[in-house]
Amino acid sequence: MQLYASWQQSHYLYSLFNSQNDPLDNERYPGLTWISAQDALAVCR
């Protein structure tokens, strides 16, 4: 027994790799700076 029908699996994979996403706008918020995951987690402690 399959969780999803074969056509649904195929459609999911097609949609997953065929998406048309807009490029990221990293300059949208000029006052922000990127930090590492370790620094972000250190703030939570």
PDB file of N, CA and C in Angstrom:
ATOM      1  N   MET A   1       0.849  -1.185   0.000  1.00  0.00           N
ATOM      2  CA  MET A   1       0.000   0.000   0.000  1.00  0.00           C
ATOM      3  C   MET A   1       0.891   1.244   0.000  1.00  0.00           C
ATOM      4  N   GLN A   2       0.620   2.146  -0.918  1.00  0.00           N
ATOM      5  CA  GLN A   2       1.401   3.375  -1.017  1.00  0.00           C
ATOM      6  C   GLN A   2       0.721   4.496  -0.245  1.00  0.00           C
ATOM      7  N   LEU A   3       1.527   5.371   0.314  1.00  0.00           N
ATOM      8  CA  LEU A   3       0.985   6.518   1.023  1.00  0.00           C
ATOM      9  C   LEU A   3       0.321   7.487   0.044  1.00  0.00           C
ATOM     10  N   TYR A   4       0.978   7.714  -1.098  1.00  0.00           N
ATOM     11  CA  TYR A   4       0.441   8.583  -2.138  1.00  0.00           C
ATOM     12  C   TYR A   4       0.437   7.834  -3.459  1.00  0.00           C
ATOM     13  N   ALA A   5      -0.475   8.190  -4.317  1.00  0.00           N
ATOM     14  CA  ALA A   5      -0.516   7.582  -5.643  1.00  0.00           C
ATOM     15  C   ALA A   5       0.728   7.982  -6.425  1.00  0.00           C
ATOM     16  N   SER A   6       1.110   7.169  -7.390  1.00  0.00           N
ATOM     17  CA  SER A   6       2.328   7.423  -8.168  1.00  0.00           C
ATOM     18  C   SER A   6       2.288   8.779  -8.866  1.00  0.00           C
ATOM     19  N   TRP A   7       1.121   9.157  -9.402  1.00  0.00           N
ATOM     20  CA  TRP A   7       1.040  10.438 -10.105  1.00  0.00           C
ATOM     21  C   TRP A   7       1.252  11.596  -9.133  1.00  0.00           C
ATOM     22  N   GLN A   8       0.813  11.422  -7.879  1.00  0.00           N
ATOM     23  CA  GLN A   8       0.996  12.476  -6.881  1.00  0.00           C
ATOM     24  C   GLN A   8       2.470  12.633  -6.519  1.00  0.00           C
ATOM     25  N   GLN A   9       3.164  11.530  -6.394  1.00  0.00           N
ATOM     26  CA  GLN A   9       4.595  11.580  -6.099  1.00  0.00           C
ATOM     27  C   GLN A   9       5.341  12.275  -7.223  1.00  0.00           C
ATOM     28  N   SER A  10       5.005  11.931  -8.451  1.00  0.00           N
ATOM     29  CA  SER A  10       5.658  12.552  -9.605  1.00  0.00           C
ATOM     30  C   SER A  10       5.378  14.043  -9.657  1.00  0.00           C
ATOM     31  N   HIS A  11       4.140  14.420  -9.392  1.00  0.00           N
ATOM     32  CA  HIS A  11       3.771  15.835  -9.433  1.00  0.00           C
ATOM     33  C   HIS A  11       4.493  16.614  -8.336  1.00  0.00           C
ATOM     34  N   TYR A  12       4.618  16.034  -7.171  1.00  0.00           N
ATOM     35  CA  TYR A  12       5.333  16.683  -6.067  1.00  0.00           C
ATOM     36  C   TYR A  12       6.786  16.953  -6.447  1.00  0.00           C
ATOM     37  N   LEU A  13       7.465  15.945  -6.978  1.00  0.00           N
ATOM     38  CA  LEU A  13       8.869  16.115  -7.368  1.00  0.00           C
ATOM     39  C   LEU A  13       9.011  17.137  -8.483  1.00  0.00           C
ATOM     40  N   TYR A  14       8.101  17.101  -9.440  1.00  0.00           N
ATOM     41  CA  TYR A  14       8.128  18.073 -10.530  1.00  0.00           C
ATOM     42  C   TYR A  14       7.983  19.494  -9.976  1.00  0.00           C
ATOM     43  N   SER A  15       7.008  19.693  -9.096  1.00  0.00           N
ATOM     44  CA  SER A  15       6.765  21.016  -8.517  1.00  0.00           C
ATOM     45  C   SER A  15       7.922  21.470  -7.636  1.00  0.00           C
ATOM     46  N   LEU A  16       8.525  20.532  -6.930  1.00  0.00           N
ATOM     47  CA  LEU A  16       9.625  20.852  -6.023  1.00  0.00           C
ATOM     48  C   LEU A  16      10.810  21.442  -6.776  1.00  0.00           C
ATOM     49  N   PHE A  17      11.139  20.847  -7.912  1.00  0.00           N
ATOM     50  CA  PHE A  17      12.317  21.278  -8.650  1.00  0.00           C
ATOM     51  C   PHE A  17      12.013  22.269  -9.763  1.00  0.00           C
ATOM     52  N   ASN A  18      10.751  22.572 -10.001  1.00  0.00           N
ATOM     53  CA  ASN A  18      10.385  23.476 -11.077  1.00  0.00           C
ATOM     54  C   ASN A  18       9.873  24.812 -10.545  1.00  0.00           C
ATOM     55  N   SER A  19      10.043  25.079  -9.270  1.00  0.00           N
ATOM     56  CA  SER A  19       9.505  26.313  -8.696  1.00  0.00           C
ATOM     57  C   SER A  19      10.272  27.527  -9.215  1.00  0.00           C
ATOM     58  N   GLN A  20       9.566  28.611  -9.392  1.00  0.00           N
ATOM     59  CA  GLN A  20      10.145  29.860  -9.873  1.00  0.00           C
ATOM     60  C   GLN A  20      10.135  30.866  -8.715  1.00  0.00           C
ATOM     61  N   ASN A  21      11.193  30.872  -7.947  1.00  0.00           N
ATOM     62  CA  ASN A  21      11.278  31.761  -6.792  1.00  0.00           C
ATOM     63  C   ASN A  21      12.004  33.042  -7.153  1.00  0.00           C
ATOM     64  N   ASP A  22      11.568  34.127  -6.548  1.00  0.00           N
ATOM     65  CA  ASP A  22      12.256  35.398  -6.728  1.00  0.00           C
ATOM     66  C   ASP A  22      13.577  35.364  -5.976  1.00  0.00           C
ATOM     67  N   PRO A  23      14.607  36.037  -6.484  1.00  0.00           N
ATOM     68  CA  PRO A  23      15.878  36.075  -5.753  1.00  0.00           C
ATOM     69  C   PRO A  23      15.714  36.783  -4.406  1.00  0.00           C
ATOM     70  N   LEU A  24      16.540  36.409  -3.468  1.00  0.00           N
ATOM     71  CA  LEU A  24      16.489  37.034  -2.145  1.00  0.00           C
ATOM     72  C   LEU A  24      16.970  38.474  -2.223  1.00  0.00           C
ATOM     73  N   ASP A  25      16.358  39.336  -1.427  1.00  0.00           N
ATOM     74  CA  ASP A  25      16.755  40.737  -1.369  1.00  0.00           C
ATOM     75  C   ASP A  25      17.476  40.963  -0.040  1.00  0.00           C
ATOM     76  N   ASN A  26      18.755  40.649   0.005  1.00  0.00           N
ATOM     77  CA  ASN A  26      19.520  40.745   1.246  1.00  0.00           C
ATOM     78  C   ASN A  26      19.771  42.184   1.673  1.00  0.00           C
ATOM     79  N   GLU A  27      19.557  43.129   0.797  1.00  0.00           N
ATOM     80  CA  GLU A  27      19.781  44.541   1.140  1.00  0.00           C
ATOM     81  C   GLU A  27      18.488  45.238   1.563  1.00  0.00           C
ATOM     82  N   ARG A  28      17.439  44.481   1.806  1.00  0.00           N
ATOM     83  CA  ARG A  28      16.145  45.073   2.153  1.00  0.00           C
ATOM     84  C   ARG A  28      16.193  45.796   3.498  1.00  0.00           C
ATOM     85  N   TYR A  29      16.924  45.265   4.430  1.00  0.00           N
ATOM     86  CA  TYR A  29      17.051  45.862   5.757  1.00  0.00           C
ATOM     87  C   TYR A  29      18.523  46.164   6.007  1.00  0.00           C
ATOM     88  N   PRO A  30      18.978  47.360   5.653  1.00  0.00           N
ATOM     89  CA  PRO A  30      20.409  47.656   5.707  1.00  0.00           C
ATOM     90  C   PRO A  30      20.998  47.672   7.115  1.00  0.00           C
ATOM     91  N   GLY A  31      20.197  47.832   8.142  1.00  0.00           N
ATOM     92  CA  GLY A  31      20.723  47.891   9.501  1.00  0.00           C
ATOM     93  C   GLY A  31      21.032  46.533  10.108  1.00  0.00           C
ATOM     94  N   LEU A  32      20.653  45.454   9.439  1.00  0.00           N
ATOM     95  CA  LEU A  32      20.866  44.120   9.984  1.00  0.00           C
ATOM     96  C   LEU A  32      22.168  43.528   9.482  1.00  0.00           C
ATOM     97  N   THR A  33      22.798  42.728  10.333  1.00  0.00           N
ATOM     98  CA  THR A  33      24.011  42.025   9.922  1.00  0.00           C
ATOM     99  C   THR A  33      23.825  40.539  10.203  1.00  0.00           C
ATOM    100  N   TRP A  34      24.428  39.715   9.354  1.00  0.00           N
ATOM    101  CA  TRP A  34      24.354  38.280   9.526  1.00  0.00           C
ATOM    102  C   TRP A  34      25.270  37.847  10.663  1.00  0.00           C
ATOM    103  N   ILE A  35      24.795  36.852  11.441  1.00  0.00           N
ATOM    104  CA  ILE A  35      25.621  36.259  12.489  1.00  0.00           C
ATOM    105  C   ILE A  35      25.579  34.743  12.321  1.00  0.00           C
ATOM    106  N   SER A  36      26.509  34.079  12.949  1.00  0.00           N
ATOM    107  CA  SER A  36      26.550  32.616  12.844  1.00  0.00           C
ATOM    108  C   SER A  36      25.477  32.000  13.746  1.00  0.00           C
ATOM    109  N   ALA A  37      25.170  30.742  13.488  1.00  0.00           N
ATOM    110  CA  ALA A  37      24.199  30.025  14.313  1.00  0.00           C
ATOM    111  C   ALA A  37      24.701  29.901  15.751  1.00  0.00           C
ATOM    112  N   GLN A  38      26.003  29.715  15.912  1.00  0.00           N
ATOM    113  CA  GLN A  38      26.567  29.604  17.268  1.00  0.00           C
ATOM    114  C   GLN A  38      26.370  30.903  18.046  1.00  0.00           C
ATOM    115  N   ASP A  39      26.587  32.052  17.386  1.00  0.00           N
ATOM    116  CA  ASP A  39      26.379  33.332  18.074  1.00  0.00           C
ATOM    117  C   ASP A  39      24.909  33.536  18.417  1.00  0.00           C
ATOM    118  N   ALA A  40      24.024  33.137  17.523  1.00  0.00           N
ATOM    119  CA  ALA A  40      22.586  33.284  17.789  1.00  0.00           C
ATOM    120  C   ALA A  40      22.157  32.434  18.963  1.00  0.00           C
ATOM    121  N   LEU A  41      22.675  31.205  19.030  1.00  0.00           N
ATOM    122  CA  LEU A  41      22.323  30.326  20.156  1.00  0.00           C
ATOM    123  C   LEU A  41      22.948  30.797  21.456  1.00  0.00           C
ATOM    124  N   ALA A  42      24.101  31.430  21.400  1.00  0.00           N
ATOM    125  CA  ALA A  42      24.756  31.930  22.615  1.00  0.00           C
ATOM    126  C   ALA A  42      23.925  33.043  23.248  1.00  0.00           C
ATOM    127  N   VAL A  43      23.217  33.813  22.447  1.00  0.00           N
ATOM    128  CA  VAL A  43      22.375  34.884  22.969  1.00  0.00           C
ATOM    129  C   VAL A  43      21.206  34.313  23.748  1.00  0.00           C
ATOM    130  N   CYS A  44      20.729  33.128  23.354  1.00  0.00           N
ATOM    131  CA  CYS A  44      19.561  32.492  23.998  1.00  0.00           C
ATOM    132  C   CYS A  44      19.899  31.865  25.347  1.00  0.00           C
ATOM    133  N   ARG A  45      21.167  31.705  25.661  1.00  0.00           N
ATOM    134  CA  ARG A  45      21.537  31.030  26.912  1.00  0.00           C
ATOM    135  C   ARG A  45      21.500  31.960  28.078  1.00  0.00           C
TER     136      ARG A  45
END
